[in-house]
Amino acid sequence: MLLAKFSTTGIEEAISAFENKHSFSFPESYRSFLVSYNGGRTPNTGFHLGAVTSDVRGFYGLGHADQYLNYTFYENTHTLGEFLEDGYIPIADNVFSDDVVIGITPENKGRIYFRFHDLVKNYVLIAEDFASFVNACSSAPLEVANIKTRKKTAKKNGNGNRIEILMQTWEAEIALYGSLKLEEVRY
């Protein structure tokens, strides 16, 4: 799996503070992942495990993680408390806001589950441990087309009249994905 990790500056302290604040402990395998990578973006990444096939937009991090993949943002704007009450903590999501979660109770600790955003409280077991989940994820190389190529493609597809509208989105995508430093994560 290819990952553009977030800054790990101060991550061990941030993990401990988060665990203490919410009265739980990350499973050791995921905690080690956070220490090494602090989550990160995973463009062009997906998995097929059992009955679940999904993309993986990114893994949550702490501290210096991107805003929308940061546990702080998640706890302020989502239902982190409900996950914790159910015995899980979200670790990743997809483009549809479905969640990949890891068990944190003695009965499910370290197991990986998938929760469809519209099937609350329905957790589907997809992997026995974090390493198995990561190893099931695969990433395609990231190719970021430049503005010239995008304009040519838009014209070819009959969307030449929409180029000016699309320019801001294209520039944002190029700025975000063109500078990502992807590295291989394996267990």
N, C-alpha and C. Protein backbone atom coordinates (compact mmCIF):
# COMPACT_ATOMS: atom_id res chain seq x y z
N MET A 1 0.84 -1.16 0.00
CA MET A 1 0.00 0.00 0.00
C MET A 1 0.90 1.24 0.00
N LEU A 2 0.55 2.22 -0.84
CA LEU A 2 1.29 3.47 -0.88
C LEU A 2 0.61 4.50 0.03
N LEU A 3 1.43 5.22 0.79
CA LEU A 3 0.92 6.16 1.78
C LEU A 3 1.76 7.42 1.77
N ALA A 4 1.10 8.58 1.81
CA ALA A 4 1.78 9.86 2.02
C ALA A 4 1.57 10.20 3.48
N LYS A 5 2.56 9.89 4.31
CA LYS A 5 2.39 10.00 5.75
C LYS A 5 2.32 11.46 6.19
N PHE A 6 1.73 11.65 7.38
CA PHE A 6 1.68 12.96 8.01
C PHE A 6 2.89 13.12 8.91
N SER A 7 3.15 14.33 9.34
CA SER A 7 4.27 14.61 10.23
C SER A 7 4.13 13.81 11.53
N THR A 8 5.23 13.23 11.97
CA THR A 8 5.22 12.46 13.21
C THR A 8 5.82 13.24 14.38
N THR A 9 6.04 14.52 14.20
CA THR A 9 6.57 15.35 15.27
C THR A 9 5.61 15.33 16.46
N GLY A 10 6.09 14.93 17.62
CA GLY A 10 5.29 14.89 18.84
C GLY A 10 4.21 13.83 18.86
N ILE A 11 4.30 12.84 17.98
CA ILE A 11 3.20 11.88 17.83
C ILE A 11 3.01 10.99 19.06
N GLU A 12 4.08 10.55 19.69
CA GLU A 12 3.89 9.65 20.85
C GLU A 12 3.15 10.36 21.97
N GLU A 13 3.45 11.62 22.20
CA GLU A 13 2.74 12.40 23.22
C GLU A 13 1.29 12.60 22.81
N ALA A 14 1.06 12.88 21.53
CA ALA A 14 -0.31 13.09 21.04
C ALA A 14 -1.13 11.81 21.17
N ILE A 15 -0.54 10.66 20.88
CA ILE A 15 -1.25 9.39 21.01
C ILE A 15 -1.63 9.16 22.47
N SER A 16 -0.68 9.32 23.37
CA SER A 16 -0.95 9.11 24.80
C SER A 16 -2.04 10.05 25.31
N ALA A 17 -1.98 11.31 24.92
CA ALA A 17 -2.99 12.28 25.35
C ALA A 17 -4.37 11.90 24.83
N PHE A 18 -4.44 11.46 23.56
CA PHE A 18 -5.72 11.06 22.96
C PHE A 18 -6.28 9.83 23.66
N GLU A 19 -5.43 8.84 23.90
CA GLU A 19 -5.86 7.63 24.60
C GLU A 19 -6.36 7.96 26.01
N ASN A 20 -5.63 8.79 26.73
CA ASN A 20 -6.03 9.17 28.08
C ASN A 20 -7.34 9.95 28.08
N LYS A 21 -7.48 10.86 27.14
CA LYS A 21 -8.70 11.68 27.05
C LYS A 21 -9.94 10.83 26.83
N HIS A 22 -9.79 9.76 26.04
CA HIS A 22 -10.95 8.94 25.68
C HIS A 22 -10.97 7.58 26.39
N SER A 23 -10.06 7.37 27.32
CA SER A 23 -10.03 6.16 28.17
C SER A 23 -10.01 4.86 27.38
N PHE A 24 -9.08 4.74 26.46
CA PHE A 24 -8.88 3.50 25.71
C PHE A 24 -7.43 3.44 25.29
N SER A 25 -7.02 2.29 24.76
CA SER A 25 -5.68 2.14 24.21
C SER A 25 -5.79 1.62 22.78
N PHE A 26 -5.02 2.24 21.87
CA PHE A 26 -4.96 1.70 20.52
C PHE A 26 -4.33 0.32 20.58
N PRO A 27 -4.80 -0.63 19.76
CA PRO A 27 -4.09 -1.90 19.65
C PRO A 27 -2.64 -1.64 19.24
N GLU A 28 -1.72 -2.43 19.74
CA GLU A 28 -0.30 -2.17 19.54
C GLU A 28 0.10 -2.05 18.07
N SER A 29 -0.45 -2.89 17.21
CA SER A 29 -0.08 -2.84 15.79
C SER A 29 -0.47 -1.50 15.16
N TYR A 30 -1.64 -0.99 15.51
CA TYR A 30 -2.06 0.29 14.96
C TYR A 30 -1.32 1.44 15.61
N ARG A 31 -1.04 1.30 16.89
CA ARG A 31 -0.26 2.33 17.59
C ARG A 31 1.12 2.47 16.94
N SER A 32 1.75 1.34 16.61
CA SER A 32 3.05 1.37 15.93
C SER A 32 2.96 2.06 14.58
N PHE A 33 1.87 1.81 13.85
CA PHE A 33 1.63 2.48 12.57
C PHE A 33 1.54 3.99 12.78
N LEU A 34 0.79 4.42 13.80
CA LEU A 34 0.68 5.85 14.08
C LEU A 34 2.03 6.46 14.43
N VAL A 35 2.82 5.76 15.24
CA VAL A 35 4.14 6.27 15.61
C VAL A 35 5.02 6.43 14.37
N SER A 36 4.96 5.47 13.45
CA SER A 36 5.80 5.50 12.25
C SER A 36 5.30 6.45 11.17
N TYR A 37 3.98 6.53 11.00
CA TYR A 37 3.42 7.26 9.87
C TYR A 37 2.43 8.36 10.25
N ASN A 38 1.82 8.26 11.43
CA ASN A 38 0.77 9.18 11.85
C ASN A 38 -0.35 9.26 10.81
N GLY A 39 -0.78 8.11 10.30
CA GLY A 39 -1.80 8.10 9.27
C GLY A 39 -1.26 8.64 7.96
N GLY A 40 -2.17 9.04 7.08
CA GLY A 40 -1.72 9.62 5.82
C GLY A 40 -2.74 9.41 4.71
N ARG A 41 -2.49 10.08 3.60
CA ARG A 41 -3.34 9.95 2.41
C ARG A 41 -2.95 8.70 1.63
N THR A 42 -3.94 8.07 1.03
CA THR A 42 -3.70 6.84 0.27
C THR A 42 -4.41 6.93 -1.10
N PRO A 43 -3.98 7.81 -1.97
CA PRO A 43 -4.66 7.93 -3.27
C PRO A 43 -4.51 6.65 -4.09
N ASN A 44 -5.56 6.34 -4.85
CA ASN A 44 -5.58 5.16 -5.72
C ASN A 44 -5.37 3.86 -4.95
N THR A 45 -5.91 3.78 -3.75
CA THR A 45 -5.76 2.60 -2.90
C THR A 45 -7.12 1.98 -2.64
N GLY A 46 -7.17 0.67 -2.60
CA GLY A 46 -8.41 -0.03 -2.31
C GLY A 46 -8.14 -1.43 -1.81
N PHE A 47 -9.23 -2.12 -1.47
CA PHE A 47 -9.13 -3.50 -0.98
C PHE A 47 -10.40 -4.27 -1.31
N HIS A 48 -10.28 -5.57 -1.31
CA HIS A 48 -11.42 -6.48 -1.42
C HIS A 48 -11.21 -7.55 -0.35
N LEU A 49 -12.05 -7.51 0.67
CA LEU A 49 -11.96 -8.47 1.77
C LEU A 49 -13.36 -9.01 2.05
N GLY A 50 -13.55 -10.30 1.84
CA GLY A 50 -14.88 -10.89 2.04
C GLY A 50 -15.88 -10.25 1.11
N ALA A 51 -16.97 -9.75 1.69
CA ALA A 51 -18.04 -9.13 0.90
C ALA A 51 -17.84 -7.64 0.71
N VAL A 52 -16.72 -7.11 1.18
CA VAL A 52 -16.51 -5.66 1.13
C VAL A 52 -15.40 -5.31 0.15
N THR A 53 -15.72 -4.43 -0.78
CA THR A 53 -14.75 -3.85 -1.70
C THR A 53 -14.85 -2.34 -1.54
N SER A 54 -13.72 -1.69 -1.36
CA SER A 54 -13.76 -0.26 -1.10
C SER A 54 -12.43 0.40 -1.47
N ASP A 55 -12.49 1.70 -1.68
CA ASP A 55 -11.28 2.50 -1.75
C ASP A 55 -10.89 2.86 -0.32
N VAL A 56 -9.69 3.38 -0.13
CA VAL A 56 -9.25 3.92 1.15
C VAL A 56 -8.74 5.32 0.86
N ARG A 57 -9.46 6.32 1.32
CA ARG A 57 -9.08 7.73 1.08
C ARG A 57 -7.86 8.09 1.90
N GLY A 58 -7.82 7.60 3.13
CA GLY A 58 -6.68 7.90 3.99
C GLY A 58 -6.88 7.34 5.38
N PHE A 59 -5.79 7.36 6.15
CA PHE A 59 -5.79 6.91 7.54
C PHE A 59 -5.73 8.13 8.44
N TYR A 60 -6.46 8.08 9.54
CA TYR A 60 -6.48 9.19 10.49
C TYR A 60 -5.16 9.30 11.22
N GLY A 61 -4.84 10.54 11.58
CA GLY A 61 -3.65 10.81 12.36
C GLY A 61 -3.97 11.83 13.45
N LEU A 62 -2.96 12.24 14.16
CA LEU A 62 -3.09 13.20 15.26
C LEU A 62 -2.12 14.36 15.04
N GLY A 63 -2.31 15.42 15.81
CA GLY A 63 -1.36 16.53 15.76
C GLY A 63 -1.28 17.19 14.41
N HIS A 64 -0.20 16.93 13.68
CA HIS A 64 0.07 17.59 12.41
C HIS A 64 -0.56 16.88 11.19
N ALA A 65 -1.55 16.03 11.42
CA ALA A 65 -2.25 15.37 10.32
C ALA A 65 -3.13 16.38 9.59
N ASP A 66 -3.44 16.10 8.32
CA ASP A 66 -4.33 16.97 7.56
C ASP A 66 -5.66 17.13 8.28
N GLN A 67 -6.29 18.27 8.12
CA GLN A 67 -7.51 18.61 8.84
C GLN A 67 -8.59 17.52 8.78
N TYR A 68 -8.92 17.05 7.60
CA TYR A 68 -10.04 16.13 7.46
C TYR A 68 -9.67 14.67 7.72
N LEU A 69 -8.41 14.40 7.95
CA LEU A 69 -7.98 13.06 8.34
C LEU A 69 -7.30 13.12 9.71
N ASN A 70 -7.78 14.02 10.54
CA ASN A 70 -7.21 14.23 11.86
C ASN A 70 -8.24 13.81 12.90
N TYR A 71 -7.83 13.02 13.88
CA TYR A 71 -8.75 12.59 14.93
C TYR A 71 -9.39 13.78 15.64
N THR A 72 -8.68 14.89 15.76
CA THR A 72 -9.24 16.07 16.42
C THR A 72 -10.45 16.58 15.64
N PHE A 73 -10.33 16.66 14.33
CA PHE A 73 -11.47 17.06 13.50
C PHE A 73 -12.60 16.04 13.66
N TYR A 74 -12.24 14.76 13.65
CA TYR A 74 -13.25 13.71 13.75
C TYR A 74 -14.00 13.80 15.08
N GLU A 75 -13.29 14.02 16.17
CA GLU A 75 -13.98 14.08 17.46
C GLU A 75 -14.83 15.35 17.59
N ASN A 76 -14.46 16.41 16.88
CA ASN A 76 -15.23 17.66 16.95
C ASN A 76 -16.45 17.67 16.04
N THR A 77 -16.44 16.90 14.96
CA THR A 77 -17.51 17.01 13.97
C THR A 77 -18.26 15.72 13.69
N HIS A 78 -17.80 14.61 14.22
CA HIS A 78 -18.45 13.34 13.96
C HIS A 78 -18.85 12.65 15.26
N THR A 79 -19.12 11.40 15.21
CA THR A 79 -19.64 10.66 16.34
C THR A 79 -18.58 9.73 16.93
N LEU A 80 -17.42 10.27 17.25
CA LEU A 80 -16.35 9.46 17.82
C LEU A 80 -16.81 8.75 19.08
N GLY A 81 -17.56 9.45 19.92
CA GLY A 81 -18.06 8.86 21.17
C GLY A 81 -18.89 7.61 20.94
N GLU A 82 -19.71 7.61 19.90
CA GLU A 82 -20.54 6.44 19.60
C GLU A 82 -19.68 5.25 19.19
N PHE A 83 -18.64 5.51 18.39
CA PHE A 83 -17.73 4.42 18.02
C PHE A 83 -17.08 3.83 19.28
N LEU A 84 -16.59 4.71 20.14
CA LEU A 84 -15.92 4.25 21.36
C LEU A 84 -16.87 3.44 22.24
N GLU A 85 -18.12 3.90 22.36
CA GLU A 85 -19.12 3.15 23.13
C GLU A 85 -19.37 1.77 22.54
N ASP A 86 -19.30 1.67 21.21
CA ASP A 86 -19.50 0.39 20.53
C ASP A 86 -18.26 -0.50 20.61
N GLY A 87 -17.13 0.05 21.08
CA GLY A 87 -15.91 -0.74 21.21
C GLY A 87 -14.98 -0.66 20.01
N TYR A 88 -15.07 0.43 19.25
CA TYR A 88 -14.26 0.61 18.05
C TYR A 88 -13.68 2.01 18.00
N ILE A 89 -12.64 2.17 17.19
CA ILE A 89 -12.12 3.50 16.87
C ILE A 89 -11.90 3.54 15.36
N PRO A 90 -12.40 4.58 14.67
CA PRO A 90 -12.15 4.67 13.23
C PRO A 90 -10.66 4.81 12.95
N ILE A 91 -10.19 4.15 11.89
CA ILE A 91 -8.79 4.29 11.51
C ILE A 91 -8.63 4.84 10.09
N ALA A 92 -9.66 4.70 9.26
CA ALA A 92 -9.59 5.16 7.87
C ALA A 92 -11.00 5.35 7.34
N ASP A 93 -11.11 6.01 6.20
CA ASP A 93 -12.41 6.13 5.55
C ASP A 93 -12.24 6.09 4.04
N ASN A 94 -13.40 6.09 3.36
CA ASN A 94 -13.38 6.10 1.90
C ASN A 94 -14.09 7.34 1.39
N VAL A 95 -14.22 7.46 0.09
CA VAL A 95 -14.81 8.67 -0.50
C VAL A 95 -16.30 8.81 -0.19
N PHE A 96 -16.95 7.75 0.26
CA PHE A 96 -18.37 7.81 0.61
C PHE A 96 -18.59 8.03 2.10
N SER A 97 -17.52 8.24 2.86
CA SER A 97 -17.56 8.40 4.32
C SER A 97 -17.92 7.12 5.06
N ASP A 98 -17.69 5.97 4.42
CA ASP A 98 -17.76 4.70 5.14
C ASP A 98 -16.49 4.61 5.97
N ASP A 99 -16.53 3.83 7.04
CA ASP A 99 -15.41 3.79 7.97
C ASP A 99 -14.76 2.42 8.04
N VAL A 100 -13.43 2.42 8.15
CA VAL A 100 -12.68 1.24 8.55
C VAL A 100 -12.35 1.49 10.01
N VAL A 101 -12.69 0.54 10.87
CA VAL A 101 -12.50 0.71 12.31
C VAL A 101 -11.70 -0.47 12.86
N ILE A 102 -11.11 -0.24 14.03
CA ILE A 102 -10.36 -1.30 14.71
C ILE A 102 -11.00 -1.51 16.08
N GLY A 103 -11.11 -2.77 16.48
CA GLY A 103 -11.69 -3.09 17.77
C GLY A 103 -10.76 -2.70 18.91
N ILE A 104 -11.36 -2.23 20.02
CA ILE A 104 -10.56 -1.80 21.17
C ILE A 104 -11.01 -2.45 22.47
N THR A 105 -11.91 -3.43 22.41
CA THR A 105 -12.35 -4.14 23.61
C THR A 105 -11.61 -5.47 23.68
N PRO A 106 -11.61 -6.11 24.85
CA PRO A 106 -10.94 -7.43 24.93
C PRO A 106 -11.49 -8.45 23.92
N GLU A 107 -12.76 -8.37 23.59
CA GLU A 107 -13.38 -9.33 22.66
C GLU A 107 -13.00 -9.10 21.21
N ASN A 108 -12.71 -7.86 20.83
CA ASN A 108 -12.45 -7.58 19.41
C ASN A 108 -11.13 -6.84 19.17
N LYS A 109 -10.29 -6.73 20.18
CA LYS A 109 -9.09 -5.89 20.10
C LYS A 109 -8.20 -6.25 18.92
N GLY A 110 -7.95 -5.25 18.09
CA GLY A 110 -7.06 -5.40 16.95
C GLY A 110 -7.72 -5.89 15.68
N ARG A 111 -8.94 -6.38 15.75
CA ARG A 111 -9.65 -6.83 14.55
C ARG A 111 -10.14 -5.62 13.76
N ILE A 112 -10.20 -5.78 12.45
CA ILE A 112 -10.58 -4.68 11.56
C ILE A 112 -11.99 -4.94 11.02
N TYR A 113 -12.81 -3.90 11.08
CA TYR A 113 -14.20 -3.97 10.65
C TYR A 113 -14.49 -2.83 9.67
N PHE A 114 -15.54 -3.02 8.88
CA PHE A 114 -16.01 -1.99 7.95
C PHE A 114 -17.41 -1.59 8.37
N ARG A 115 -17.68 -0.29 8.38
CA ARG A 115 -19.01 0.21 8.72
C ARG A 115 -19.48 1.12 7.60
N PHE A 116 -20.54 0.69 6.91
CA PHE A 116 -21.14 1.53 5.87
C PHE A 116 -21.81 2.73 6.56
N HIS A 117 -21.65 3.92 6.00
CA HIS A 117 -22.15 5.13 6.66
C HIS A 117 -23.65 5.11 6.87
N ASP A 118 -24.39 4.37 6.06
CA ASP A 118 -25.84 4.34 6.19
C ASP A 118 -26.34 3.11 6.95
N LEU A 119 -25.44 2.31 7.49
CA LEU A 119 -25.80 1.14 8.30
C LEU A 119 -25.13 1.25 9.66
N VAL A 120 -25.52 2.27 10.41
CA VAL A 120 -24.93 2.54 11.71
C VAL A 120 -25.11 1.31 12.61
N LYS A 121 -24.11 1.04 13.41
CA LYS A 121 -24.07 -0.08 14.37
C LYS A 121 -23.94 -1.44 13.68
N ASN A 122 -23.67 -1.45 12.37
CA ASN A 122 -23.47 -2.71 11.65
C ASN A 122 -22.00 -2.77 11.23
N TYR A 123 -21.20 -3.48 12.01
CA TYR A 123 -19.77 -3.58 11.77
C TYR A 123 -19.48 -4.94 11.14
N VAL A 124 -18.86 -4.94 9.96
CA VAL A 124 -18.57 -6.16 9.22
C VAL A 124 -17.08 -6.49 9.39
N LEU A 125 -16.79 -7.65 9.96
CA LEU A 125 -15.40 -8.07 10.14
C LEU A 125 -14.75 -8.27 8.77
N ILE A 126 -13.60 -7.61 8.54
CA ILE A 126 -12.92 -7.76 7.25
C ILE A 126 -11.50 -8.29 7.39
N ALA A 127 -10.90 -8.19 8.59
CA ALA A 127 -9.53 -8.71 8.77
C ALA A 127 -9.30 -9.00 10.25
N GLU A 128 -8.53 -10.03 10.51
CA GLU A 128 -8.25 -10.43 11.89
C GLU A 128 -7.28 -9.49 12.59
N ASP A 129 -6.49 -8.75 11.81
CA ASP A 129 -5.54 -7.82 12.44
C ASP A 129 -5.15 -6.72 11.44
N PHE A 130 -4.49 -5.70 11.97
CA PHE A 130 -4.14 -4.54 11.16
C PHE A 130 -3.18 -4.91 10.03
N ALA A 131 -2.20 -5.76 10.31
CA ALA A 131 -1.24 -6.16 9.28
C ALA A 131 -1.94 -6.83 8.10
N SER A 132 -2.89 -7.71 8.39
CA SER A 132 -3.64 -8.38 7.31
C SER A 132 -4.42 -7.37 6.47
N PHE A 133 -4.98 -6.37 7.14
CA PHE A 133 -5.72 -5.34 6.40
C PHE A 133 -4.78 -4.54 5.49
N VAL A 134 -3.67 -4.06 6.04
CA VAL A 134 -2.73 -3.27 5.23
C VAL A 134 -2.22 -4.09 4.05
N ASN A 135 -1.90 -5.35 4.29
CA ASN A 135 -1.39 -6.20 3.21
C ASN A 135 -2.44 -6.50 2.15
N ALA A 136 -3.73 -6.37 2.49
CA ALA A 136 -4.80 -6.57 1.51
C ALA A 136 -5.06 -5.31 0.68
N CYS A 137 -4.57 -4.19 1.15
CA CYS A 137 -4.74 -2.93 0.40
C CYS A 137 -3.71 -2.84 -0.71
N SER A 138 -4.15 -2.41 -1.88
CA SER A 138 -3.21 -2.22 -2.98
C SER A 138 -3.40 -0.83 -3.57
N SER A 139 -2.32 -0.28 -4.03
CA SER A 139 -2.33 1.07 -4.59
C SER A 139 -1.82 1.06 -6.01
N ALA A 140 -2.49 1.81 -6.87
CA ALA A 140 -2.00 2.03 -8.22
C ALA A 140 -1.11 3.27 -8.20
N PRO A 141 -0.15 3.33 -9.09
CA PRO A 141 0.71 4.53 -9.14
C PRO A 141 -0.15 5.78 -9.35
N LEU A 142 0.28 6.86 -8.77
CA LEU A 142 -0.44 8.12 -8.87
C LEU A 142 0.12 8.93 -10.03
N GLU A 143 -0.74 9.23 -10.98
CA GLU A 143 -0.36 10.05 -12.12
C GLU A 143 -1.21 11.31 -12.09
N VAL A 144 -0.56 12.44 -11.96
CA VAL A 144 -1.26 13.72 -11.87
C VAL A 144 -1.07 14.46 -13.20
N ALA A 145 -2.15 14.56 -13.95
CA ALA A 145 -2.09 15.23 -15.25
C ALA A 145 -1.91 16.74 -15.06
N ASN A 146 -1.10 17.35 -15.92
CA ASN A 146 -0.89 18.80 -15.85
C ASN A 146 -2.07 19.53 -16.52
N ILE A 147 -2.07 20.85 -16.41
CA ILE A 147 -3.17 21.67 -16.94
C ILE A 147 -3.31 21.50 -18.45
N LYS A 148 -2.19 21.49 -19.17
CA LYS A 148 -2.22 21.35 -20.62
C LYS A 148 -2.91 20.05 -21.03
N THR A 149 -2.56 18.96 -20.38
CA THR A 149 -3.16 17.66 -20.69
C THR A 149 -4.64 17.65 -20.34
N ARG A 150 -5.00 18.26 -19.22
CA ARG A 150 -6.41 18.30 -18.81
C ARG A 150 -7.25 19.13 -19.80
N LYS A 151 -6.70 20.23 -20.27
CA LYS A 151 -7.42 21.04 -21.26
C LYS A 151 -7.65 20.25 -22.53
N LYS A 152 -6.61 19.57 -22.99
CA LYS A 152 -6.71 18.77 -24.22
C LYS A 152 -7.78 17.68 -24.06
N THR A 153 -7.78 17.01 -22.91
CA THR A 153 -8.76 15.94 -22.65
C THR A 153 -10.17 16.51 -22.59
N ALA A 154 -10.34 17.66 -21.93
CA ALA A 154 -11.66 18.29 -21.83
C ALA A 154 -12.20 18.63 -23.22
N LYS A 155 -11.35 19.20 -24.05
CA LYS A 155 -11.77 19.55 -25.42
C LYS A 155 -12.13 18.30 -26.21
N LYS A 156 -11.31 17.27 -26.08
CA LYS A 156 -11.55 16.01 -26.79
C LYS A 156 -12.88 15.38 -26.37
N ASN A 157 -13.25 15.55 -25.11
CA ASN A 157 -14.49 14.97 -24.59
C ASN A 157 -15.69 15.90 -24.72
N GLY A 158 -15.52 17.02 -25.45
CA GLY A 158 -16.64 17.93 -25.67
C GLY A 158 -16.92 18.85 -24.50
N ASN A 159 -15.95 19.02 -23.62
CA ASN A 159 -16.14 19.89 -22.46
C ASN A 159 -15.25 21.13 -22.50
N GLY A 160 -14.85 21.54 -23.68
CA GLY A 160 -14.00 22.72 -23.82
C GLY A 160 -14.61 23.97 -23.22
N ASN A 161 -15.94 24.04 -23.24
CA ASN A 161 -16.63 25.21 -22.68
C ASN A 161 -16.61 25.23 -21.14
N ARG A 162 -16.16 24.17 -20.51
CA ARG A 162 -16.14 24.09 -19.04
C ARG A 162 -14.73 24.28 -18.46
N ILE A 163 -13.76 24.51 -19.31
CA ILE A 163 -12.37 24.59 -18.85
C ILE A 163 -12.17 25.65 -17.78
N GLU A 164 -12.70 26.84 -18.00
CA GLU A 164 -12.52 27.91 -17.01
C GLU A 164 -13.13 27.54 -15.67
N ILE A 165 -14.26 26.86 -15.68
CA ILE A 165 -14.92 26.42 -14.45
C ILE A 165 -14.07 25.37 -13.73
N LEU A 166 -13.43 24.51 -14.50
CA LEU A 166 -12.66 23.41 -13.92
C LEU A 166 -11.26 23.80 -13.47
N MET A 167 -10.75 24.93 -13.94
CA MET A 167 -9.36 25.33 -13.65
C MET A 167 -9.04 25.35 -12.16
N GLN A 168 -9.91 25.92 -11.34
CA GLN A 168 -9.64 26.02 -9.91
C GLN A 168 -9.54 24.63 -9.28
N THR A 169 -10.42 23.74 -9.66
CA THR A 169 -10.39 22.36 -9.14
C THR A 169 -9.12 21.66 -9.60
N TRP A 170 -8.77 21.81 -10.86
CA TRP A 170 -7.55 21.18 -11.38
C TRP A 170 -6.31 21.68 -10.64
N GLU A 171 -6.24 22.99 -10.46
CA GLU A 171 -5.08 23.56 -9.77
C GLU A 171 -4.97 23.04 -8.34
N ALA A 172 -6.11 22.91 -7.66
CA ALA A 172 -6.11 22.39 -6.29
C ALA A 172 -5.67 20.92 -6.26
N GLU A 173 -6.16 20.13 -7.21
CA GLU A 173 -5.76 18.72 -7.29
C GLU A 173 -4.26 18.59 -7.56
N ILE A 174 -3.77 19.37 -8.47
CA ILE A 174 -2.34 19.32 -8.81
C ILE A 174 -1.50 19.73 -7.61
N ALA A 175 -1.92 20.78 -6.91
CA ALA A 175 -1.18 21.23 -5.73
C ALA A 175 -1.18 20.16 -4.64
N LEU A 176 -2.30 19.49 -4.44
CA LEU A 176 -2.40 18.47 -3.39
C LEU A 176 -1.67 17.19 -3.78
N TYR A 177 -2.02 16.63 -4.92
CA TYR A 177 -1.49 15.32 -5.28
C TYR A 177 -0.13 15.36 -5.96
N GLY A 178 0.20 16.48 -6.59
CA GLY A 178 1.48 16.58 -7.28
C GLY A 178 2.67 16.62 -6.33
N SER A 179 2.44 17.01 -5.08
CA SER A 179 3.55 17.12 -4.13
C SER A 179 3.60 15.97 -3.12
N LEU A 180 2.68 15.02 -3.21
CA LEU A 180 2.67 13.91 -2.26
C LEU A 180 3.91 13.03 -2.43
N LYS A 181 4.50 12.65 -1.32
CA LYS A 181 5.62 11.71 -1.31
C LYS A 181 5.09 10.39 -0.79
N LEU A 182 4.84 9.47 -1.71
CA LEU A 182 4.26 8.18 -1.35
C LEU A 182 5.35 7.19 -1.01
N GLU A 183 5.11 6.41 0.04
CA GLU A 183 6.03 5.34 0.39
C GLU A 183 5.25 4.06 0.64
N GLU A 184 5.91 2.95 0.43
CA GLU A 184 5.31 1.63 0.58
C GLU A 184 5.19 1.28 2.05
N VAL A 185 3.99 0.82 2.44
CA VAL A 185 3.76 0.33 3.81
C VAL A 185 3.43 -1.15 3.69
N ARG A 186 4.21 -1.95 4.37
CA ARG A 186 3.99 -3.41 4.38
C ARG A 186 4.18 -3.95 5.78
N TYR A 187 3.49 -5.02 6.04
CA TYR A 187 3.64 -5.71 7.33
C TYR A 187 3.94 -7.17 7.08
